[in-house]
PDB file of all heavy atoms in Angstrom:
ATOM      1  N   GLU A   1     -78.119  36.713 -23.566  1.00  0.00           N
ATOM      2  CA  GLU A   1     -77.950  35.620 -22.608  1.00  0.00           C
ATOM      3  C   GLU A   1     -77.642  34.328 -23.302  1.00  0.00           C
ATOM      4  O   GLU A   1     -76.822  33.537 -22.812  1.00  0.00           O
ATOM      5  CB  GLU A   1     -79.232  35.450 -21.747  1.00  0.00           C
ATOM      6  CG  GLU A   1     -79.408  36.510 -20.718  1.00  0.00           C
ATOM      7  CD  GLU A   1     -80.710  36.331 -19.963  1.00  0.00           C
ATOM      8  OE1 GLU A   1     -81.421  35.347 -20.127  1.00  0.00           O
ATOM      9  OE2 GLU A   1     -80.963  37.255 -19.116  1.00  0.00           O
ATOM     10  N   VAL A   2     -78.249  34.046 -24.429  1.00  0.00           N
ATOM     11  CA  VAL A   2     -77.980  32.792 -25.171  1.00  0.00           C
ATOM     12  C   VAL A   2     -76.915  32.948 -26.217  1.00  0.00           C
ATOM     13  O   VAL A   2     -76.632  32.031 -26.964  1.00  0.00           O
ATOM     14  CB  VAL A   2     -79.268  32.235 -25.759  1.00  0.00           C
ATOM     15  CG1 VAL A   2     -80.244  31.828 -24.689  1.00  0.00           C
ATOM     16  CG2 VAL A   2     -79.877  33.120 -26.763  1.00  0.00           C
ATOM     17  N   GLN A   3     -76.380  34.155 -26.314  1.00  0.00           N
ATOM     18  CA  GLN A   3     -75.291  34.517 -27.247  1.00  0.00           C
ATOM     19  C   GLN A   3     -75.682  34.113 -28.699  1.00  0.00           C
ATOM     20  O   GLN A   3     -74.851  33.581 -29.454  1.00  0.00           O
ATOM     21  CB  GLN A   3     -74.008  33.810 -26.844  1.00  0.00           C
ATOM     22  CG  GLN A   3     -73.469  34.323 -25.553  1.00  0.00           C
ATOM     23  CD  GLN A   3     -72.087  33.806 -25.210  1.00  0.00           C
ATOM     24  OE1 GLN A   3     -71.473  33.031 -25.973  1.00  0.00           O
ATOM     25  NE2 GLN A   3     -71.607  34.159 -24.028  1.00  0.00           N
ATOM     26  N   ASP A   4     -76.896  34.526 -29.075  1.00  0.00           N
ATOM     27  CA  ASP A   4     -77.284  34.374 -30.471  1.00  0.00           C
ATOM     28  C   ASP A   4     -76.950  35.638 -31.231  1.00  0.00           C
ATOM     29  O   ASP A   4     -77.690  36.609 -31.312  1.00  0.00           O
ATOM     30  CB  ASP A   4     -78.842  34.125 -30.542  1.00  0.00           C
ATOM     31  CG  ASP A   4     -79.239  33.633 -31.899  1.00  0.00           C
ATOM     32  OD1 ASP A   4     -78.681  34.135 -32.939  1.00  0.00           O
ATOM     33  OD2 ASP A   4     -80.157  32.755 -31.987  1.00  0.00           O
ATOM     34  N   HIS A   5     -75.795  35.620 -31.805  1.00  0.00           N
ATOM     35  CA  HIS A   5     -75.210  36.831 -32.406  1.00  0.00           C
ATOM     36  C   HIS A   5     -76.006  37.293 -33.619  1.00  0.00           C
ATOM     37  O   HIS A   5     -76.042  38.519 -33.902  1.00  0.00           O
ATOM     38  CB  HIS A   5     -73.770  36.588 -32.767  1.00  0.00           C
ATOM     39  CG  HIS A   5     -72.915  36.258 -31.600  1.00  0.00           C
ATOM     40  ND1 HIS A   5     -72.576  37.215 -30.629  1.00  0.00           N
ATOM     41  CD2 HIS A   5     -72.432  35.106 -31.100  1.00  0.00           C
ATOM     42  CE1 HIS A   5     -71.880  36.615 -29.667  1.00  0.00           C
ATOM     43  NE2 HIS A   5     -71.758  35.386 -29.912  1.00  0.00           N
ATOM     44  N   GLY A   6     -76.609  36.393 -34.363  1.00  0.00           N
ATOM     45  CA  GLY A   6     -77.428  36.811 -35.517  1.00  0.00           C
ATOM     46  C   GLY A   6     -78.628  37.642 -35.012  1.00  0.00           C
ATOM     47  O   GLY A   6     -78.910  38.742 -35.594  1.00  0.00           O
ATOM     48  N   TYR A   7     -79.282  37.175 -33.988  1.00  0.00           N
ATOM     49  CA  TYR A   7     -80.425  37.915 -33.478  1.00  0.00           C
ATOM     50  C   TYR A   7     -79.979  39.204 -32.724  1.00  0.00           C
ATOM     51  O   TYR A   7     -80.667  40.237 -32.836  1.00  0.00           O
ATOM     52  CB  TYR A   7     -81.239  37.057 -32.504  1.00  0.00           C
ATOM     53  CG  TYR A   7     -82.233  36.122 -33.194  1.00  0.00           C
ATOM     54  CD1 TYR A   7     -81.976  34.744 -33.215  1.00  0.00           C
ATOM     55  CD2 TYR A   7     -83.321  36.607 -33.806  1.00  0.00           C
ATOM     56  CE1 TYR A   7     -82.887  33.920 -33.902  1.00  0.00           C
ATOM     57  CE2 TYR A   7     -84.247  35.822 -34.462  1.00  0.00           C
ATOM     58  CZ  TYR A   7     -83.956  34.417 -34.542  1.00  0.00           C
ATOM     59  OH  TYR A   7     -84.842  33.613 -35.157  1.00  0.00           O
ATOM     60  N   ILE A   8     -78.833  39.182 -32.116  1.00  0.00           N
ATOM     61  CA  ILE A   8     -78.311  40.369 -31.494  1.00  0.00           C
ATOM     62  C   ILE A   8     -78.115  41.469 -32.544  1.00  0.00           C
ATOM     63  O   ILE A   8     -78.563  42.593 -32.371  1.00  0.00           O
ATOM     64  CB  ILE A   8     -76.978  40.117 -30.745  1.00  0.00           C
ATOM     65  CG1 ILE A   8     -77.235  39.248 -29.504  1.00  0.00           C
ATOM     66  CG2 ILE A   8     -76.330  41.409 -30.327  1.00  0.00           C
ATOM     67  CD1 ILE A   8     -76.008  38.671 -28.854  1.00  0.00           C
ATOM     68  N   SER A   9     -77.491  41.170 -33.654  1.00  0.00           N
ATOM     69  CA  SER A   9     -77.250  42.127 -34.725  1.00  0.00           C
ATOM     70  C   SER A   9     -78.629  42.580 -35.313  1.00  0.00           C
ATOM     71  O   SER A   9     -78.809  43.783 -35.574  1.00  0.00           O
ATOM     72  CB  SER A   9     -76.379  41.530 -35.820  1.00  0.00           C
ATOM     73  OG  SER A   9     -75.088  41.305 -35.278  1.00  0.00           O
ATOM     74  N   MET A  10     -79.505  41.657 -35.556  1.00  0.00           N
ATOM     75  CA  MET A  10     -80.800  42.025 -36.135  1.00  0.00           C
ATOM     76  C   MET A  10     -81.581  42.953 -35.179  1.00  0.00           C
ATOM     77  O   MET A  10     -82.194  43.917 -35.593  1.00  0.00           O
ATOM     78  CB  MET A  10     -81.630  40.739 -36.436  1.00  0.00           C
ATOM     79  CG  MET A  10     -83.019  41.080 -36.955  1.00  0.00           C
ATOM     80  SD  MET A  10     -82.999  42.058 -38.494  1.00  0.00           S
ATOM     81  CE  MET A  10     -82.747  40.784 -39.671  1.00  0.00           C
ATOM     82  N   LEU A  11     -81.496  42.668 -33.943  1.00  0.00           N
ATOM     83  CA  LEU A  11     -82.258  43.479 -32.913  1.00  0.00           C
ATOM     84  C   LEU A  11     -81.645  44.883 -32.844  1.00  0.00           C
ATOM     85  O   LEU A  11     -82.380  45.867 -32.765  1.00  0.00           O
ATOM     86  CB  LEU A  11     -82.247  42.808 -31.577  1.00  0.00           C
ATOM     87  CG  LEU A  11     -83.286  41.656 -31.473  1.00  0.00           C
ATOM     88  CD1 LEU A  11     -82.925  40.771 -30.307  1.00  0.00           C
ATOM     89  CD2 LEU A  11     -84.707  42.148 -31.356  1.00  0.00           C
ATOM     90  N   HIS A  12     -80.326  44.972 -32.927  1.00  0.00           N
ATOM     91  CA  HIS A  12     -79.704  46.301 -32.981  1.00  0.00           C
ATOM     92  C   HIS A  12     -80.123  47.069 -34.244  1.00  0.00           C
ATOM     93  O   HIS A  12     -80.381  48.263 -34.203  1.00  0.00           O
ATOM     94  CB  HIS A  12     -78.168  46.242 -32.860  1.00  0.00           C
ATOM     95  CG  HIS A  12     -77.699  46.107 -31.456  1.00  0.00           C
ATOM     96  ND1 HIS A  12     -77.732  47.085 -30.547  1.00  0.00           N
ATOM     97  CD2 HIS A  12     -77.193  44.966 -30.809  1.00  0.00           C
ATOM     98  CE1 HIS A  12     -77.254  46.668 -29.421  1.00  0.00           C
ATOM     99  NE2 HIS A  12     -76.905  45.396 -29.546  1.00  0.00           N
ATOM    100  N   LEU A  13     -80.194  46.379 -35.385  1.00  0.00           N
ATOM    101  CA  LEU A  13     -80.647  46.996 -36.605  1.00  0.00           C
ATOM    102  C   LEU A  13     -82.075  47.487 -36.412  1.00  0.00           C
ATOM    103  O   LEU A  13     -82.406  48.643 -36.741  1.00  0.00           O
ATOM    104  CB  LEU A  13     -80.595  45.993 -37.753  1.00  0.00           C
ATOM    105  CG  LEU A  13     -81.307  46.400 -39.055  1.00  0.00           C
ATOM    106  CD1 LEU A  13     -80.758  47.635 -39.650  1.00  0.00           C
ATOM    107  CD2 LEU A  13     -81.282  45.265 -40.048  1.00  0.00           C
ATOM    108  N   LEU A  14     -82.937  46.662 -35.907  1.00  0.00           N
ATOM    109  CA  LEU A  14     -84.365  47.048 -35.711  1.00  0.00           C
ATOM    110  C   LEU A  14     -84.511  48.175 -34.705  1.00  0.00           C
ATOM    111  O   LEU A  14     -85.319  49.080 -34.909  1.00  0.00           O
ATOM    112  CB  LEU A  14     -85.207  45.803 -35.320  1.00  0.00           C
ATOM    113  CG  LEU A  14     -85.306  44.769 -36.417  1.00  0.00           C
ATOM    114  CD1 LEU A  14     -86.002  43.530 -35.845  1.00  0.00           C
ATOM    115  CD2 LEU A  14     -86.089  45.272 -37.594  1.00  0.00           C
ATOM    116  N   LEU A  15     -83.748  48.078 -33.661  1.00  0.00           N
ATOM    117  CA  LEU A  15     -83.765  49.158 -32.617  1.00  0.00           C
ATOM    118  C   LEU A  15     -83.288  50.477 -33.286  1.00  0.00           C
ATOM    119  O   LEU A  15     -83.889  51.558 -33.048  1.00  0.00           O
ATOM    120  CB  LEU A  15     -82.917  48.736 -31.442  1.00  0.00           C
ATOM    121  CG  LEU A  15     -83.004  49.582 -30.191  1.00  0.00           C
ATOM    122  CD1 LEU A  15     -84.469  49.839 -29.762  1.00  0.00           C
ATOM    123  CD2 LEU A  15     -82.293  48.889 -29.038  1.00  0.00           C
ATOM    124  N   GLY A  16     -82.215  50.373 -34.068  1.00  0.00           N
ATOM    125  CA  GLY A  16     -81.703  51.581 -34.738  1.00  0.00           C
ATOM    126  C   GLY A  16     -82.807  52.193 -35.684  1.00  0.00           C
ATOM    127  O   GLY A  16     -82.969  53.380 -35.749  1.00  0.00           O
ATOM    128  N   ARG A  17     -83.465  51.281 -36.430  1.00  0.00           N
ATOM    129  CA  ARG A  17     -84.504  51.779 -37.341  1.00  0.00           C
ATOM    130  C   ARG A  17     -85.654  52.462 -36.604  1.00  0.00           C
ATOM    131  O   ARG A  17     -86.109  53.549 -36.963  1.00  0.00           O
ATOM    132  CB  ARG A  17     -85.080  50.611 -38.150  1.00  0.00           C
ATOM    133  CG  ARG A  17     -84.126  50.130 -39.268  1.00  0.00           C
ATOM    134  CD  ARG A  17     -84.734  48.998 -40.006  1.00  0.00           C
ATOM    135  NE  ARG A  17     -86.014  49.398 -40.660  1.00  0.00           N
ATOM    136  CZ  ARG A  17     -86.866  48.516 -41.228  1.00  0.00           C
ATOM    137  NH1 ARG A  17     -86.562  47.255 -41.276  1.00  0.00           N
ATOM    138  NH2 ARG A  17     -87.980  48.994 -41.792  1.00  0.00           N
ATOM    139  N   ALA A  18     -86.098  51.810 -35.471  1.00  0.00           N
ATOM    140  CA  ALA A  18     -87.191  52.423 -34.707  1.00  0.00           C
ATOM    141  C   ALA A  18     -86.777  53.756 -34.075  1.00  0.00           C
ATOM    142  O   ALA A  18     -87.538  54.680 -34.178  1.00  0.00           O
ATOM    143  CB  ALA A  18     -87.609  51.399 -33.633  1.00  0.00           C
ATOM    144  N   LEU A  19     -85.605  53.809 -33.523  1.00  0.00           N
ATOM    145  CA  LEU A  19     -85.149  55.049 -32.930  1.00  0.00           C
ATOM    146  C   LEU A  19     -85.010  56.159 -33.992  1.00  0.00           C
ATOM    147  O   LEU A  19     -85.265  57.342 -33.699  1.00  0.00           O
ATOM    148  CB  LEU A  19     -83.825  54.824 -32.140  1.00  0.00           C
ATOM    149  CG  LEU A  19     -84.007  53.942 -30.884  1.00  0.00           C
ATOM    150  CD1 LEU A  19     -82.616  53.557 -30.361  1.00  0.00           C
ATOM    151  CD2 LEU A  19     -84.817  54.708 -29.814  1.00  0.00           C
ATOM    152  N   HIS A  20     -84.522  55.780 -35.148  1.00  0.00           N
ATOM    153  CA  HIS A  20     -84.424  56.754 -36.257  1.00  0.00           C
ATOM    154  C   HIS A  20     -85.795  57.276 -36.602  1.00  0.00           C
ATOM    155  O   HIS A  20     -85.950  58.545 -36.706  1.00  0.00           O
ATOM    156  CB  HIS A  20     -83.735  56.083 -37.484  1.00  0.00           C
ATOM    157  CG  HIS A  20     -83.609  57.012 -38.608  1.00  0.00           C
ATOM    158  ND1 HIS A  20     -84.368  56.926 -39.764  1.00  0.00           N
ATOM    159  CD2 HIS A  20     -82.797  58.095 -38.848  1.00  0.00           C
ATOM    160  CE1 HIS A  20     -84.047  57.883 -40.614  1.00  0.00           C
ATOM    161  NE2 HIS A  20     -83.104  58.595 -40.066  1.00  0.00           N
ATOM    162  N   GLU A  21     -86.744  56.436 -36.750  1.00  0.00           N
ATOM    163  CA  GLU A  21     -88.095  56.891 -37.051  1.00  0.00           C
ATOM    164  C   GLU A  21     -88.685  57.783 -35.939  1.00  0.00           C
ATOM    165  O   GLU A  21     -89.542  58.612 -36.184  1.00  0.00           O
ATOM    166  CB  GLU A  21     -89.001  55.691 -37.331  1.00  0.00           C
ATOM    167  CG  GLU A  21     -88.685  55.051 -38.689  1.00  0.00           C
ATOM    168  CD  GLU A  21     -89.603  53.877 -38.980  1.00  0.00           C
ATOM    169  OE1 GLU A  21     -90.697  53.797 -38.391  1.00  0.00           O
ATOM    170  OE2 GLU A  21     -89.151  53.023 -39.795  1.00  0.00           O
ATOM    171  N   LEU A  22     -88.189  57.539 -34.733  1.00  0.00           N
ATOM    172  CA  LEU A  22     -88.720  58.336 -33.558  1.00  0.00           C
ATOM    173  C   LEU A  22     -87.947  59.635 -33.389  1.00  0.00           C
ATOM    174  O   LEU A  22     -88.216  60.424 -32.457  1.00  0.00           O
ATOM    175  CB  LEU A  22     -88.659  57.474 -32.285  1.00  0.00           C
ATOM    176  CG  LEU A  22     -89.598  56.280 -32.285  1.00  0.00           C
ATOM    177  CD1 LEU A  22     -89.353  55.393 -31.065  1.00  0.00           C
ATOM    178  CD2 LEU A  22     -91.069  56.723 -32.322  1.00  0.00           C
ATOM    179  N   GLY A  23     -86.909  59.852 -34.249  1.00  0.00           N
ATOM    180  CA  GLY A  23     -86.114  61.071 -34.198  1.00  0.00           C
ATOM    181  C   GLY A  23     -84.936  61.075 -33.279  1.00  0.00           C
ATOM    182  O   GLY A  23     -84.250  62.088 -33.118  1.00  0.00           O
ATOM    183  N   ASP A  24     -84.584  59.900 -32.708  1.00  0.00           N
ATOM    184  CA  ASP A  24     -83.402  59.823 -31.833  1.00  0.00           C
ATOM    185  C   ASP A  24     -82.231  59.358 -32.708  1.00  0.00           C
ATOM    186  O   ASP A  24     -81.862  58.161 -32.661  1.00  0.00           O
ATOM    187  CB  ASP A  24     -83.638  58.830 -30.691  1.00  0.00           C
ATOM    188  CG  ASP A  24     -82.572  58.867 -29.654  1.00  0.00           C
ATOM    189  OD1 ASP A  24     -81.488  59.416 -29.929  1.00  0.00           O
ATOM    190  OD2 ASP A  24     -82.810  58.325 -28.546  1.00  0.00           O
ATOM    191  N   PHE A  25     -81.687  60.238 -33.473  1.00  0.00           N
ATOM    192  CA  PHE A  25     -80.647  59.886 -34.534  1.00  0.00           C
ATOM    193  C   PHE A  25     -79.389  59.413 -33.894  1.00  0.00           C
ATOM    194  O   PHE A  25     -78.727  58.545 -34.480  1.00  0.00           O
ATOM    195  CB  PHE A  25     -80.479  61.071 -35.405  1.00  0.00           C
ATOM    196  CG  PHE A  25     -81.728  61.590 -36.085  1.00  0.00           C
ATOM    197  CD1 PHE A  25     -81.974  62.967 -36.150  1.00  0.00           C
ATOM    198  CD2 PHE A  25     -82.711  60.791 -36.640  1.00  0.00           C
ATOM    199  CE1 PHE A  25     -83.140  63.481 -36.716  1.00  0.00           C
ATOM    200  CE2 PHE A  25     -83.828  61.198 -37.165  1.00  0.00           C
ATOM    201  CZ  PHE A  25     -84.064  62.574 -37.239  1.00  0.00           C
ATOM    202  N   ASP A  26     -78.952  59.946 -32.778  1.00  0.00           N
ATOM    203  CA  ASP A  26     -77.716  59.578 -32.173  1.00  0.00           C
ATOM    204  C   ASP A  26     -77.759  58.114 -31.681  1.00  0.00           C
ATOM    205  O   ASP A  26     -76.906  57.333 -31.986  1.00  0.00           O
ATOM    206  CB  ASP A  26     -77.313  60.486 -31.010  1.00  0.00           C
ATOM    207  CG  ASP A  26     -76.979  61.888 -31.488  1.00  0.00           C
ATOM    208  OD1 ASP A  26     -76.607  62.074 -32.669  1.00  0.00           O
ATOM    209  OD2 ASP A  26     -77.169  62.836 -30.663  1.00  0.00           O
ATOM    210  N   GLN A  27     -78.828  57.797 -30.947  1.00  0.00           N
ATOM    211  CA  GLN A  27     -78.987  56.414 -30.463  1.00  0.00           C
ATOM    212  C   GLN A  27     -79.205  55.468 -31.651  1.00  0.00           C
ATOM    213  O   GLN A  27     -78.686  54.343 -31.615  1.00  0.00           O
ATOM    214  CB  GLN A  27     -80.169  56.306 -29.494  1.00  0.00           C
ATOM    215  CG  GLN A  27     -79.905  56.857 -28.132  1.00  0.00           C
ATOM    216  CD  GLN A  27     -78.874  56.026 -27.384  1.00  0.00           C
ATOM    217  OE1 GLN A  27     -78.984  54.840 -27.331  1.00  0.00           O
ATOM    218  NE2 GLN A  27     -77.863  56.669 -26.836  1.00  0.00           N
ATOM    219  N   ALA A  28     -79.906  55.938 -32.627  1.00  0.00           N
ATOM    220  CA  ALA A  28     -80.135  55.053 -33.797  1.00  0.00           C
ATOM    221  C   ALA A  28     -78.755  54.718 -34.481  1.00  0.00           C
ATOM    222  O   ALA A  28     -78.508  53.575 -34.763  1.00  0.00           O
ATOM    223  CB  ALA A  28     -81.014  55.825 -34.857  1.00  0.00           C
ATOM    224  N   CYS A  29     -77.916  55.721 -34.642  1.00  0.00           N
ATOM    225  CA  CYS A  29     -76.607  55.454 -35.208  1.00  0.00           C
ATOM    226  C   CYS A  29     -75.783  54.515 -34.367  1.00  0.00           C
ATOM    227  O   CYS A  29     -75.100  53.628 -34.896  1.00  0.00           O
ATOM    228  CB  CYS A  29     -75.842  56.781 -35.420  1.00  0.00           C
ATOM    229  SG  CYS A  29     -76.370  57.698 -36.904  1.00  0.00           S
ATOM    230  N   ASP A  30     -75.840  54.682 -33.050  1.00  0.00           N
ATOM    231  CA  ASP A  30     -75.107  53.734 -32.223  1.00  0.00           C
ATOM    232  C   ASP A  30     -75.538  52.339 -32.353  1.00  0.00           C
ATOM    233  O   ASP A  30     -74.680  51.437 -32.526  1.00  0.00           O
ATOM    234  CB  ASP A  30     -75.296  54.182 -30.709  1.00  0.00           C
ATOM    235  CG  ASP A  30     -74.590  55.462 -30.388  1.00  0.00           C
ATOM    236  OD1 ASP A  30     -73.699  55.893 -31.140  1.00  0.00           O
ATOM    237  OD2 ASP A  30     -74.915  56.064 -29.317  1.00  0.00           O
ATOM    238  N   HIS A  31     -76.854  52.086 -32.354  1.00  0.00           N
ATOM    239  CA  HIS A  31     -77.359  50.749 -32.574  1.00  0.00           C
ATOM    240  C   HIS A  31     -77.023  50.161 -33.970  1.00  0.00           C
ATOM    241  O   HIS A  31     -76.698  49.028 -34.100  1.00  0.00           O
ATOM    242  CB  HIS A  31     -78.840  50.685 -32.300  1.00  0.00           C
ATOM    243  CG  HIS A  31     -79.099  50.712 -30.835  1.00  0.00           C
ATOM    244  ND1 HIS A  31     -78.933  49.658 -29.978  1.00  0.00           N
ATOM    245  CD2 HIS A  31     -79.611  51.722 -30.053  1.00  0.00           C
ATOM    246  CE1 HIS A  31     -79.286  49.962 -28.721  1.00  0.00           C
ATOM    247  NE2 HIS A  31     -79.640  51.247 -28.776  1.00  0.00           N
ATOM    248  N   LEU A  32     -77.129  51.053 -35.018  1.00  0.00           N
ATOM    249  CA  LEU A  32     -76.838  50.568 -36.306  1.00  0.00           C
ATOM    250  C   LEU A  32     -75.369  50.271 -36.485  1.00  0.00           C
ATOM    251  O   LEU A  32     -75.043  49.321 -37.172  1.00  0.00           O
ATOM    252  CB  LEU A  32     -77.285  51.673 -37.371  1.00  0.00           C
ATOM    253  CG  LEU A  32     -78.834  51.796 -37.443  1.00  0.00           C
ATOM    254  CD1 LEU A  32     -79.198  53.090 -38.220  1.00  0.00           C
ATOM    255  CD2 LEU A  32     -79.476  50.625 -38.027  1.00  0.00           C
ATOM    256  N   LYS A  33     -74.483  51.033 -35.875  1.00  0.00           N
ATOM    257  CA  LYS A  33     -73.065  50.740 -35.936  1.00  0.00           C
ATOM    258  C   LYS A  33     -72.766  49.418 -35.258  1.00  0.00           C
ATOM    259  O   LYS A  33     -71.930  48.636 -35.750  1.00  0.00           O
ATOM    260  CB  LYS A  33     -72.238  51.832 -35.244  1.00  0.00           C
ATOM    261  CG  LYS A  33     -72.205  53.140 -36.032  1.00  0.00           C
ATOM    262  CD  LYS A  33     -71.405  54.170 -35.252  1.00  0.00           C
ATOM    263  CE  LYS A  33     -71.556  55.550 -35.802  1.00  0.00           C
ATOM    264  NZ  LYS A  33     -70.874  56.566 -34.983  1.00  0.00           N
ATOM    265  N   PHE A  34     -73.439  49.168 -34.160  1.00  0.00           N
ATOM    266  CA  PHE A  34     -73.246  47.868 -33.434  1.00  0.00           C
ATOM    267  C   PHE A  34     -73.751  46.714 -34.364  1.00  0.00           C
ATOM    268  O   PHE A  34     -73.070  45.657 -34.477  1.00  0.00           O
ATOM    269  CB  PHE A  34     -74.013  47.861 -32.092  1.00  0.00           C
ATOM    270  CG  PHE A  34     -73.595  46.750 -31.240  1.00  0.00           C
ATOM    271  CD1 PHE A  34     -72.588  46.940 -30.325  1.00  0.00           C
ATOM    272  CD2 PHE A  34     -74.205  45.480 -31.281  1.00  0.00           C
ATOM    273  CE1 PHE A  34     -72.204  45.884 -29.433  1.00  0.00           C
ATOM    274  CE2 PHE A  34     -73.837  44.464 -30.479  1.00  0.00           C
ATOM    275  CZ  PHE A  34     -72.816  44.637 -29.545  1.00  0.00           C
ATOM    276  N   ALA A  35     -74.886  46.910 -35.012  1.00  0.00           N
ATOM    277  CA  ALA A  35     -75.413  45.855 -35.954  1.00  0.00           C
ATOM    278  C   ALA A  35     -74.431  45.632 -37.062  1.00  0.00           C
ATOM    279  O   ALA A  35     -74.243  44.528 -37.508  1.00  0.00           O
ATOM    280  CB  ALA A  35     -76.797  46.298 -36.463  1.00  0.00           C
ATOM    281  N   LEU A  36     -73.908  46.705 -37.573  1.00  0.00           N
ATOM    282  CA  LEU A  36     -72.920  46.658 -38.732  1.00  0.00           C
ATOM    283  C   LEU A  36     -71.709  45.866 -38.306  1.00  0.00           C
ATOM    284  O   LEU A  36     -71.254  44.930 -39.004  1.00  0.00           O
ATOM    285  CB  LEU A  36     -72.610  48.032 -39.221  1.00  0.00           C
ATOM    286  CG  LEU A  36     -71.604  48.031 -40.409  1.00  0.00           C
ATOM    287  CD1 LEU A  36     -72.246  47.395 -41.643  1.00  0.00           C
ATOM    288  CD2 LEU A  36     -71.239  49.517 -40.713  1.00  0.00           C
TER     289      LEU A  36
END
């Protein structure tokens, strides 16, 4: 909403990490690619 792109990328990284640890590898990769 506030278009804070640094936080958007960081949140996608963290979401990817969390989903990876939870075993959802496909969603994790999607979020990590977005962060990248």
